[in-house]
Amino acid sequence: MCVCAGACTSTALQPSGEGQGAGLGQDGSNSPKGIVGVGRGCSGITQPLCRMMKFAWDNYKQYALGKNELRPLTKNGHIGNMFGGLRGATVIDALDTLYIMELEEEFQEAKQWVEKSFDLNVNGEASLFEVNIRYIGGLLATYYLTGEEVFKSKALELGEKLLPAFNTPTGIPRGVINLGSGMSWSWGWASAGSSILAEFGTLHLEFLHLSELSGNPVFAEKVRNIRRVLSRVEKPQGLYPNFLSPVTGSWVQHHVSIGGLGDSFYEYLIKSWLMSDKKDSEAKKMYDDALEAIEKHLVKKSAGGLTYIAEWRGGILDHKMGHLACFSGGMIALGAQHSTGDRRQRHMELAAEITSTCHESYTRSGTCPAANGALPGGSGSSPLWIFASPHTAGVAEGSLSPQALEKYCRVEAGFSGIRDVYTTTPTHDNMQQSFFLAETLKYLYLLFCEDDVLSLEDWVFNTEAHPLPINHTDLRAAGQP
């Protein structure tokens, strides 16, 4: 395990749950010690990032604490309709970032809200995917970092409320669930009542940990069954379409995308293998086969020499690559680190080319990268993963710019997404997304720190950038026979 030298002074973080020792505390306790000012882990080049995190958190606390997200222009809170009546999405998403940055006062404020105000007895329509990656992921990560039982108990209780979504003829969960009644249904916009690949395919990491911590195998069984359904269904040219019927287990449309609707399914295959300490051979084979099909059918080069991953619609290529597909450069680099020979070299080059394409698009915009008007989130994971790969570290350095975020996204009371990244006088969308605190600022902090605070040998990040420990899952939970 590495210690962050020079720019960072915090001790490298070890998993803290289940008797594995404390996180940052050097005296065996569960809390970070010796934190003053902006955070003991924040000095040198990382200090501006910690100040950004503190600014985002302080404004959320002042104007929107208990709501899901901050509206920084109007200085009020936003609840939204993704979380089924749950509150405090920003609190849960920010917990581990505050802890990693050693912002102790702010972490304690967030922890106190969870202890006293985080109510799981709600009755509303929730996105299974969003609740899992933000709430379950954030609570699990903070438990593993701190050993504080409140985070574990909340994660397990909330996990139980998600299980009825799997009550379908195939066991493929529907995308929307009422957290009170347990009724579930598919998104109204999803073709023919289908479930979405990137949603039901982005549960594996968290659900294995829920089984591990609870001793209840049902969570792991649910995600193992998803694997079984996917192994049985025919893959056109080896590709995974985005829409699958939870009733028949058949594809509804032959639309393939590595960006939105597909993205994190592929991410969770390689990460499931890594989280199992490379024992989940089924996940590794699924990832390798999928990437081979993507290379063969979807990877293209523009007239200007930029590599991109096209979309596929029933055998016809759609020559575009969305912002969310930019994560794939990092994913491919992460997988390449564990390959050998020609495959390793080929995938490292592909990862660098894709990330360079995304970097070029950000450079041409000159502002903070955005998707649908949002502050940068999911694709920010690509620079961190590539930073872990020395061959392409230089590409990563400019992929997300703290200076651009400060210049274009910072407003009086927080950070706001912008509606059009191609104008130098942006119009703000009045939303400080919770994932800006969970993903963007955490990844930038880790990227610009001189060494690992969270070693990739010990941790895997979920798709919301919440770290989960490696080798904390036995072979049965990893889906092995």
Protein backbone atom coordinates (compact mmCIF):
# COMPACT_ATOMS: atom_id res chain seq x y z
CA MET A 1 0.00 0.00 0.00
CA CYS A 2 1.36 3.39 -0.94
CA VAL A 3 1.41 6.53 1.14
CA CYS A 4 0.66 9.83 -0.51
CA ALA A 5 3.93 11.75 -0.42
CA GLY A 6 4.56 15.44 -0.73
CA ALA A 7 1.20 16.77 -1.81
CA CYS A 8 -0.71 14.60 0.66
CA THR A 9 0.04 13.69 4.23
CA SER A 10 -2.69 11.16 5.03
CA THR A 11 -1.94 7.54 5.75
CA ALA A 12 -3.04 5.21 2.98
CA LEU A 13 -6.52 3.89 3.65
CA GLN A 14 -7.11 0.26 4.54
CA PRO A 15 -10.54 -1.39 4.72
CA SER A 16 -11.88 -0.88 8.22
CA GLY A 17 -14.86 -3.21 8.43
CA GLU A 18 -15.19 -6.58 10.13
CA GLY A 19 -12.15 -6.37 12.36
CA GLN A 20 -9.70 -5.23 9.71
CA GLY A 21 -8.52 -2.22 11.70
CA ALA A 22 -9.22 1.46 11.57
CA GLY A 23 -9.19 3.71 8.56
CA LEU A 24 -7.29 6.96 9.07
CA GLY A 25 -7.02 6.84 12.84
CA GLN A 26 -3.53 5.85 13.93
CA ASP A 27 -4.60 4.85 17.43
CA GLY A 28 -6.97 2.07 16.41
CA SER A 29 -10.05 4.29 16.52
CA ASN A 30 -12.49 4.69 13.68
CA SER A 31 -12.13 8.41 13.03
CA PRO A 32 -9.48 10.53 11.30
CA LYS A 33 -7.11 12.31 13.65
CA GLY A 34 -5.23 15.57 13.73
CA ILE A 35 -7.30 17.30 11.08
CA VAL A 36 -7.27 21.08 11.19
CA GLY A 37 -8.19 23.83 8.75
CA VAL A 38 -9.12 22.58 5.34
CA GLY A 39 -8.08 19.01 6.11
CA ARG A 40 -4.79 17.38 7.08
CA GLY A 41 -4.80 15.40 3.85
CA CYS A 42 -4.98 18.64 1.87
CA SER A 43 -1.76 20.46 1.14
CA GLY A 44 0.19 21.60 -1.86
CA ILE A 45 -1.46 20.84 -5.17
CA THR A 46 -4.49 19.13 -3.59
CA GLN A 47 -5.44 22.02 -1.32
CA PRO A 48 -7.54 23.85 -3.95
CA LEU A 49 -9.52 20.66 -4.53
CA CYS A 50 -10.22 20.32 -0.83
CA ARG A 51 -11.35 23.94 -0.76
CA MET A 52 -13.69 23.20 -3.67
CA MET A 53 -15.10 20.23 -1.76
CA LYS A 54 -15.56 22.29 1.39
CA PHE A 55 -17.21 25.08 -0.60
CA ALA A 56 -19.62 22.63 -2.26
CA TRP A 57 -20.43 20.95 1.06
CA ASP A 58 -20.79 24.13 3.12
CA ASN A 59 -23.26 25.62 0.67
CA TYR A 60 -25.24 22.40 0.49
CA LYS A 61 -25.32 22.30 4.29
CA GLN A 62 -26.42 25.93 4.55
CA TYR A 63 -29.13 25.94 1.91
CA ALA A 64 -30.19 22.34 1.24
CA LEU A 65 -29.19 19.96 4.05
CA GLY A 66 -31.58 17.02 4.01
CA LYS A 67 -32.66 17.66 0.44
CA ASN A 68 -31.07 15.56 -2.28
CA GLU A 69 -29.16 18.26 -4.10
CA LEU A 70 -28.41 21.97 -3.91
CA ARG A 71 -29.78 24.56 -6.31
CA PRO A 72 -26.90 27.03 -6.00
CA LEU A 73 -28.40 29.92 -7.98
CA THR A 74 -31.66 30.07 -6.06
CA LYS A 75 -30.02 28.88 -2.81
CA ASN A 76 -32.49 26.14 -2.01
CA GLY A 77 -32.76 22.38 -2.12
CA HIS A 78 -33.93 19.94 -4.77
CA ILE A 79 -35.59 16.60 -3.99
CA GLY A 80 -36.30 15.17 -7.45
CA ASN A 81 -38.07 11.92 -8.26
CA MET A 82 -35.24 9.38 -8.62
CA PHE A 83 -34.87 8.28 -5.03
CA GLY A 84 -38.33 7.14 -3.93
CA GLY A 85 -38.70 9.61 -1.09
CA LEU A 86 -35.19 9.11 0.22
CA ARG A 87 -33.42 12.31 1.20
CA GLY A 88 -29.83 13.40 1.59
CA ALA A 89 -28.33 12.03 -1.63
CA THR A 90 -25.57 14.63 -1.43
CA VAL A 91 -24.83 13.67 2.18
CA ILE A 92 -24.42 9.98 1.32
CA ASP A 93 -22.48 10.69 -1.86
CA ALA A 94 -20.13 13.11 -0.06
CA LEU A 95 -19.33 11.01 3.01
CA ASP A 96 -16.35 9.05 1.71
CA THR A 97 -14.88 12.04 -0.14
CA LEU A 98 -14.99 14.12 3.04
CA TYR A 99 -13.34 11.28 4.92
CA ILE A 100 -10.63 10.68 2.33
CA MET A 101 -9.80 14.39 2.23
CA GLU A 102 -9.74 14.35 6.05
CA LEU A 103 -12.29 17.14 6.32
CA GLU A 104 -13.19 15.96 9.79
CA GLU A 105 -15.69 18.60 10.85
CA GLU A 106 -17.63 18.25 7.63
CA PHE A 107 -17.52 14.45 7.83
CA GLN A 108 -18.94 14.54 11.34
CA GLU A 109 -21.74 16.84 10.16
CA ALA A 110 -22.63 14.34 7.45
CA LYS A 111 -22.40 11.37 9.81
CA GLN A 112 -24.66 13.11 12.34
CA TRP A 113 -27.30 13.67 9.67
CA VAL A 114 -27.22 9.97 8.78
CA GLU A 115 -27.56 8.98 12.43
CA LYS A 116 -30.38 11.38 13.27
CA SER A 117 -32.25 12.22 10.07
CA PHE A 118 -31.77 9.55 7.39
CA ASP A 119 -35.21 7.93 7.22
CA LEU A 120 -35.61 4.75 5.17
CA ASN A 121 -39.33 4.38 5.84
CA VAL A 122 -40.39 6.11 2.65
CA ASN A 123 -43.03 5.48 0.03
CA GLY A 124 -42.15 6.59 -3.46
CA GLU A 125 -40.85 5.63 -6.88
CA ALA A 126 -37.09 5.03 -6.92
CA SER A 127 -34.55 4.17 -9.56
CA LEU A 128 -33.07 0.83 -8.54
CA PHE A 129 -29.82 1.81 -10.27
CA GLU A 130 -29.45 5.25 -8.69
CA VAL A 131 -30.31 4.11 -5.17
CA ASN A 132 -27.83 1.28 -5.47
CA ILE A 133 -24.85 3.21 -6.80
CA ARG A 134 -25.33 6.35 -4.69
CA TYR A 135 -26.92 5.26 -1.42
CA ILE A 136 -25.88 1.61 -1.09
CA GLY A 137 -22.44 2.32 -2.57
CA GLY A 138 -21.85 5.40 -0.46
CA LEU A 139 -22.92 3.73 2.78
CA LEU A 140 -20.87 0.59 2.11
CA ALA A 141 -17.75 2.58 1.25
CA THR A 142 -18.01 4.75 4.33
CA TYR A 143 -18.52 1.69 6.51
CA TYR A 144 -15.42 0.03 5.09
CA LEU A 145 -13.38 3.21 5.54
CA THR A 146 -14.51 3.95 9.09
CA GLY A 147 -15.91 0.78 10.66
CA GLU A 148 -18.91 2.78 11.90
CA GLU A 149 -21.85 0.40 12.28
CA VAL A 150 -24.48 3.01 11.39
CA PHE A 151 -23.39 2.96 7.76
CA LYS A 152 -23.47 -0.82 7.56
CA SER A 153 -26.92 -1.11 9.14
CA LYS A 154 -28.40 1.56 6.88
CA ALA A 155 -26.93 -0.11 3.78
CA LEU A 156 -28.35 -3.51 4.71
CA GLU A 157 -31.78 -2.12 5.57
CA LEU A 158 -31.96 -0.24 2.30
CA GLY A 159 -30.69 -3.25 0.37
CA GLU A 160 -33.63 -5.31 1.63
CA LYS A 161 -36.01 -2.72 0.23
CA LEU A 162 -34.56 -3.19 -3.27
CA LEU A 163 -35.08 -6.96 -3.45
CA PRO A 164 -38.73 -6.94 -4.66
CA ALA A 165 -37.56 -5.37 -7.95
CA PHE A 166 -36.17 -8.83 -8.84
CA ASN A 167 -39.59 -10.50 -8.60
CA THR A 168 -39.95 -11.04 -12.35
CA PRO A 169 -40.29 -14.22 -14.45
CA THR A 170 -36.58 -14.13 -15.30
CA GLY A 171 -35.20 -12.51 -12.16
CA ILE A 172 -33.99 -9.57 -14.23
CA PRO A 173 -35.03 -6.59 -12.07
CA ARG A 174 -37.28 -3.83 -13.28
CA GLY A 175 -35.84 -0.34 -13.21
CA VAL A 176 -38.30 1.39 -10.89
CA ILE A 177 -39.39 0.29 -7.42
CA ASN A 178 -41.66 1.73 -4.76
CA LEU A 179 -39.55 1.53 -1.62
CA GLY A 180 -42.67 1.34 0.55
CA SER A 181 -44.91 -1.16 -1.22
CA GLY A 182 -42.23 -3.12 -3.07
CA MET A 183 -44.09 -2.81 -6.37
CA SER A 184 -41.81 -2.47 -9.38
CA TRP A 185 -42.16 -1.60 -13.05
CA SER A 186 -40.09 -0.62 -16.05
CA TRP A 187 -39.37 2.92 -17.12
CA GLY A 188 -42.14 4.32 -19.30
CA TRP A 189 -39.61 5.30 -21.96
CA ALA A 190 -37.98 1.86 -22.05
CA SER A 191 -38.92 -0.06 -25.16
CA ALA A 192 -41.71 -2.62 -24.59
CA GLY A 193 -41.32 -2.70 -20.82
CA SER A 194 -37.66 -3.66 -21.00
CA SER A 195 -34.94 -3.39 -18.39
CA ILE A 196 -31.77 -1.45 -19.13
CA LEU A 197 -28.39 -3.19 -19.46
CA ALA A 198 -26.48 -0.45 -17.63
CA GLU A 199 -28.97 -0.61 -14.75
CA PHE A 200 -29.42 -4.32 -14.03
CA GLY A 201 -25.77 -4.83 -14.97
CA THR A 202 -24.55 -2.36 -12.34
CA LEU A 203 -25.53 -4.12 -9.13
CA HIS A 204 -22.91 -6.84 -8.78
CA LEU A 205 -20.27 -5.12 -6.65
CA GLU A 206 -22.65 -3.70 -4.08
CA PHE A 207 -24.86 -6.78 -3.81
CA LEU A 208 -21.90 -9.08 -3.17
CA HIS A 209 -20.89 -6.86 -0.28
CA LEU A 210 -24.45 -6.81 1.05
CA SER A 211 -24.36 -10.62 1.20
CA GLU A 212 -20.90 -10.58 2.73
CA LEU A 213 -21.85 -8.17 5.50
CA SER A 214 -25.31 -9.56 6.22
CA GLY A 215 -24.54 -13.25 5.91
CA ASN A 216 -27.65 -13.45 3.71
CA PRO A 217 -26.85 -15.04 0.33
CA VAL A 218 -29.97 -13.64 -1.35
CA PHE A 219 -28.23 -10.50 -2.62
CA ALA A 220 -25.44 -12.46 -4.29
CA GLU A 221 -27.95 -14.95 -5.66
CA LYS A 222 -29.89 -12.16 -7.36
CA VAL A 223 -26.90 -10.86 -9.28
CA ARG A 224 -25.59 -14.35 -10.08
CA ASN A 225 -28.93 -15.04 -11.73
CA ILE A 226 -28.50 -11.96 -13.92
CA ARG A 227 -25.26 -13.52 -15.17
CA ARG A 228 -27.07 -16.78 -15.93
CA VAL A 229 -29.73 -15.03 -18.00
CA LEU A 230 -27.10 -13.11 -19.95
CA SER A 231 -25.09 -16.25 -20.59
CA ARG A 232 -28.13 -18.00 -22.10
CA VAL A 233 -29.35 -15.24 -24.40
CA GLU A 234 -27.82 -15.00 -27.88
CA LYS A 235 -25.50 -12.01 -28.31
CA PRO A 236 -25.66 -10.55 -31.85
CA GLN A 237 -22.07 -10.59 -33.15
CA GLY A 238 -20.97 -10.98 -29.52
CA LEU A 239 -22.47 -7.61 -28.55
CA TYR A 240 -24.82 -6.84 -25.66
CA PRO A 241 -27.87 -4.76 -26.69
CA ASN A 242 -29.19 -2.19 -24.20
CA PHE A 243 -32.77 -3.42 -23.73
CA LEU A 244 -33.73 -6.82 -22.26
CA SER A 245 -37.21 -8.07 -21.40
CA PRO A 246 -37.51 -9.03 -17.71
CA VAL A 247 -40.40 -11.29 -18.72
CA THR A 248 -38.89 -13.33 -21.56
CA GLY A 249 -35.16 -12.79 -21.07
CA SER A 250 -34.82 -11.78 -24.72
CA TRP A 251 -33.42 -8.60 -26.25
CA VAL A 252 -36.09 -6.05 -27.10
CA GLN A 253 -34.02 -3.91 -29.43
CA HIS A 254 -30.64 -4.47 -31.04
CA HIS A 255 -29.24 -1.10 -29.96
CA VAL A 256 -25.70 -1.32 -28.58
CA SER A 257 -23.98 1.59 -26.86
CA ILE A 258 -20.89 1.82 -24.69
CA GLY A 259 -22.19 5.18 -23.52
CA GLY A 260 -25.56 5.78 -21.91
CA LEU A 261 -27.76 2.67 -21.40
CA GLY A 262 -24.80 0.29 -21.67
CA ASP A 263 -21.72 1.84 -20.07
CA SER A 264 -21.38 0.63 -16.49
CA PHE A 265 -22.38 -2.96 -17.32
CA TYR A 266 -18.97 -3.42 -18.95
CA GLU A 267 -17.26 -1.53 -16.13
CA TYR A 268 -18.72 -3.89 -13.53
CA LEU A 269 -17.51 -6.98 -15.38
CA ILE A 270 -13.82 -6.09 -15.10
CA LYS A 271 -14.31 -4.67 -11.60
CA SER A 272 -16.14 -7.78 -10.38
CA TRP A 273 -13.12 -9.81 -11.44
CA LEU A 274 -10.74 -7.44 -9.68
CA MET A 275 -12.87 -7.22 -6.54
CA SER A 276 -12.83 -11.02 -6.28
CA ASP A 277 -9.03 -10.88 -6.22
CA LYS A 278 -9.13 -12.16 -9.82
CA LYS A 279 -11.07 -15.31 -8.93
CA ASP A 280 -14.34 -14.44 -10.71
CA SER A 281 -13.29 -16.00 -14.01
CA GLU A 282 -16.83 -15.78 -15.40
CA ALA A 283 -16.75 -11.98 -15.17
CA LYS A 284 -13.32 -11.81 -16.78
CA LYS A 285 -14.41 -13.97 -19.73
CA MET A 286 -17.57 -11.92 -20.22
CA TYR A 287 -15.49 -8.74 -20.23
CA ASP A 288 -12.84 -10.11 -22.60
CA ASP A 289 -15.44 -11.43 -25.04
CA ALA A 290 -17.44 -8.19 -24.97
CA LEU A 291 -14.35 -6.06 -25.53
CA GLU A 292 -13.28 -8.26 -28.43
CA ALA A 293 -16.68 -7.74 -30.08
CA ILE A 294 -16.51 -3.99 -29.42
CA GLU A 295 -13.04 -3.79 -30.96
CA LYS A 296 -14.15 -5.76 -34.01
CA HIS A 297 -17.43 -4.01 -34.72
CA LEU A 298 -17.59 -0.60 -33.00
CA VAL A 299 -14.11 0.96 -32.71
CA LYS A 300 -13.62 3.43 -35.56
CA LYS A 301 -11.41 6.37 -36.48
CA SER A 302 -12.67 9.74 -37.69
CA ALA A 303 -11.42 11.55 -40.78
CA GLY A 304 -9.40 13.73 -38.43
CA GLY A 305 -7.69 10.72 -36.88
CA LEU A 306 -9.66 10.53 -33.61
CA THR A 307 -10.56 7.08 -32.32
CA TYR A 308 -14.14 6.59 -31.11
CA ILE A 309 -16.59 3.84 -30.24
CA ALA A 310 -19.65 3.95 -32.48
CA GLU A 311 -23.15 2.82 -31.55
CA TRP A 312 -24.82 -0.15 -33.28
CA ARG A 313 -28.47 -0.32 -34.27
CA GLY A 314 -29.55 -3.64 -35.71
CA GLY A 315 -26.38 -4.08 -37.68
CA ILE A 316 -26.08 -0.46 -38.82
CA LEU A 317 -23.37 1.74 -37.27
CA ASP A 318 -24.30 5.12 -35.84
CA HIS A 319 -21.03 7.06 -35.99
CA LYS A 320 -21.21 9.01 -32.76
CA MET A 321 -19.75 8.65 -29.26
CA GLY A 322 -21.52 10.26 -26.32
CA HIS A 323 -19.81 11.92 -23.37
CA LEU A 324 -20.66 9.01 -21.06
CA ALA A 325 -18.66 6.65 -23.26
CA CYS A 326 -15.50 8.50 -22.26
CA PHE A 327 -15.23 6.27 -19.20
CA SER A 328 -14.29 3.41 -21.53
CA GLY A 329 -10.74 4.69 -22.01
CA GLY A 330 -10.11 4.18 -18.32
CA MET A 331 -11.93 0.85 -18.23
CA ILE A 332 -9.85 -0.51 -21.10
CA ALA A 333 -6.65 0.75 -19.45
CA LEU A 334 -7.65 -0.89 -16.19
CA GLY A 335 -8.20 -4.19 -17.95
CA ALA A 336 -4.98 -3.82 -19.94
CA GLN A 337 -2.97 -3.58 -16.73
CA HIS A 338 -3.90 -7.21 -16.12
CA SER A 339 -3.21 -8.46 -19.64
CA THR A 340 0.05 -9.49 -21.22
CA GLY A 341 1.89 -9.21 -24.50
CA ASP A 342 0.21 -7.87 -27.61
CA ARG A 343 -3.21 -7.66 -25.97
CA ARG A 344 -1.88 -5.44 -23.21
CA GLN A 345 -0.11 -3.12 -25.66
CA ARG A 346 -3.07 -2.94 -28.03
CA HIS A 347 -5.53 -2.12 -25.27
CA MET A 348 -3.27 0.49 -23.67
CA GLU A 349 -3.00 2.21 -27.04
CA LEU A 350 -6.77 2.02 -27.56
CA ALA A 351 -7.39 3.42 -24.06
CA ALA A 352 -5.05 6.32 -24.71
CA GLU A 353 -6.64 7.08 -28.07
CA ILE A 354 -10.20 7.11 -26.71
CA THR A 355 -9.22 9.28 -23.77
CA SER A 356 -7.36 11.60 -26.12
CA THR A 357 -10.54 11.96 -28.19
CA CYS A 358 -12.52 12.93 -25.09
CA HIS A 359 -9.76 15.25 -23.91
CA GLU A 360 -9.83 16.92 -27.31
CA SER A 361 -13.57 17.49 -27.06
CA TYR A 362 -13.15 19.08 -23.62
CA THR A 363 -10.28 21.23 -24.85
CA ARG A 364 -12.33 22.49 -27.77
CA SER A 365 -15.19 23.44 -25.47
CA GLY A 366 -12.87 25.30 -23.09
CA THR A 367 -15.34 24.90 -20.24
CA CYS A 368 -16.20 22.20 -17.74
CA PRO A 369 -17.23 18.99 -19.50
CA ALA A 370 -20.90 18.28 -19.12
CA ALA A 371 -23.52 15.74 -20.05
CA ASN A 372 -27.09 16.91 -20.45
CA GLY A 373 -26.25 20.11 -18.62
CA ALA A 374 -24.79 18.28 -15.63
CA LEU A 375 -21.58 18.80 -13.77
CA PRO A 376 -19.04 16.18 -14.85
CA GLY A 377 -19.53 12.84 -13.21
CA GLY A 378 -19.24 9.31 -14.56
CA SER A 379 -16.69 9.87 -17.28
CA GLY A 380 -14.33 11.46 -14.77
CA SER A 381 -13.35 7.96 -13.78
CA SER A 382 -11.34 7.51 -16.96
CA PRO A 383 -8.50 9.88 -16.04
CA LEU A 384 -8.01 8.24 -12.64
CA TRP A 385 -7.77 4.73 -14.03
CA ILE A 386 -5.36 5.83 -16.72
CA PHE A 387 -3.35 7.74 -14.15
CA ALA A 388 -2.86 4.36 -12.51
CA SER A 389 -1.27 3.31 -15.79
CA PRO A 390 2.09 5.09 -16.16
CA HIS A 391 2.12 4.83 -19.94
CA THR A 392 -0.79 7.20 -20.33
CA ALA A 393 -0.52 9.42 -17.26
CA GLY A 394 0.17 12.47 -19.41
CA VAL A 395 -3.15 12.09 -21.20
CA ALA A 396 -4.97 12.08 -17.93
CA GLU A 397 -3.48 15.23 -16.50
CA GLY A 398 -5.56 17.59 -18.63
CA SER A 399 -8.74 15.58 -19.00
CA LEU A 400 -10.58 17.38 -16.22
CA SER A 401 -9.50 20.88 -15.26
CA PRO A 402 -10.11 22.23 -11.73
CA GLN A 403 -9.41 25.68 -13.15
CA ALA A 404 -12.21 25.31 -15.71
CA LEU A 405 -14.59 24.07 -13.02
CA GLU A 406 -13.74 27.09 -10.86
CA LYS A 407 -14.01 29.53 -13.75
CA TYR A 408 -17.19 28.31 -15.39
CA CYS A 409 -19.09 26.16 -12.89
CA ARG A 410 -18.54 27.95 -9.59
CA VAL A 411 -21.26 30.39 -8.58
CA GLU A 412 -21.93 32.33 -5.40
CA ALA A 413 -23.41 29.41 -3.48
CA GLY A 414 -21.88 26.26 -4.92
CA PHE A 415 -21.07 24.69 -8.27
CA SER A 416 -23.59 24.51 -11.09
CA GLY A 417 -23.76 22.52 -14.27
CA ILE A 418 -23.90 24.49 -17.50
CA ARG A 419 -26.25 24.03 -20.40
CA ASP A 420 -23.84 24.48 -23.29
CA VAL A 421 -20.12 23.75 -22.92
CA TYR A 422 -19.30 25.34 -26.26
CA THR A 423 -19.96 28.90 -25.13
CA THR A 424 -17.56 30.96 -23.03
CA THR A 425 -20.48 32.72 -21.35
CA PRO A 426 -22.30 29.67 -20.02
CA THR A 427 -25.85 29.49 -18.79
CA HIS A 428 -25.99 27.60 -15.51
CA ASP A 429 -28.58 24.92 -14.87
CA ASN A 430 -28.93 25.68 -11.14
CA MET A 431 -28.02 22.17 -9.98
CA GLN A 432 -25.07 20.97 -7.90
CA GLN A 433 -25.31 17.26 -8.60
CA SER A 434 -24.51 14.90 -5.73
CA PHE A 435 -22.06 13.01 -7.94
CA PHE A 436 -19.95 16.15 -8.29
CA LEU A 437 -18.93 15.61 -4.65
CA ALA A 438 -18.81 11.82 -4.94
CA GLU A 439 -16.96 11.46 -8.24
CA THR A 440 -15.49 14.58 -9.76
CA LEU A 441 -13.82 16.06 -6.71
CA LYS A 442 -12.71 12.71 -5.33
CA TYR A 443 -11.15 11.61 -8.61
CA LEU A 444 -9.43 14.95 -9.10
CA TYR A 445 -8.06 14.77 -5.56
CA LEU A 446 -6.69 11.28 -6.14
CA LEU A 447 -5.43 12.21 -9.60
CA PHE A 448 -3.42 15.21 -8.45
CA CYS A 449 -2.14 13.62 -5.28
CA GLU A 450 1.46 12.55 -5.84
CA ASP A 451 0.79 8.93 -4.88
CA ASP A 452 -2.04 6.57 -4.01
CA VAL A 453 -4.22 7.30 -1.01
CA LEU A 454 -6.51 4.49 -2.12
CA SER A 455 -4.35 1.85 -3.75
CA LEU A 456 -5.93 0.10 -6.71
CA GLU A 457 -4.41 -3.08 -5.30
CA ASP A 458 -6.79 -2.84 -2.35
CA TRP A 459 -9.86 -0.99 -3.58
CA VAL A 460 -12.28 -0.97 -6.52
CA PHE A 461 -14.46 2.06 -7.19
CA ASN A 462 -18.13 1.56 -7.92
CA THR A 463 -19.58 3.59 -10.77
CA GLU A 464 -20.34 6.47 -8.38
CA ALA A 465 -16.68 6.48 -7.24
CA HIS A 466 -17.40 4.84 -3.89
CA PRO A 467 -14.44 2.58 -2.95
CA LEU A 468 -15.11 -1.05 -2.05
CA PRO A 469 -12.38 -3.38 -0.79
CA ILE A 470 -10.86 -6.10 -2.93
CA ASN A 471 -10.81 -9.74 -1.81
CA HIS A 472 -13.61 -9.26 0.68
CA THR A 473 -15.84 -11.74 -1.12
CA ASP A 474 -15.60 -15.51 -1.09
CA LEU A 475 -15.74 -17.66 -4.19
CA ARG A 476 -19.41 -18.51 -3.78
CA ALA A 477 -20.42 -14.84 -3.58
CA ALA A 478 -18.26 -14.15 -6.61
CA GLY A 479 -20.44 -16.48 -8.63
CA GLN A 480 -18.10 -19.46 -8.81
CA PRO A 481 -19.35 -23.05 -8.85
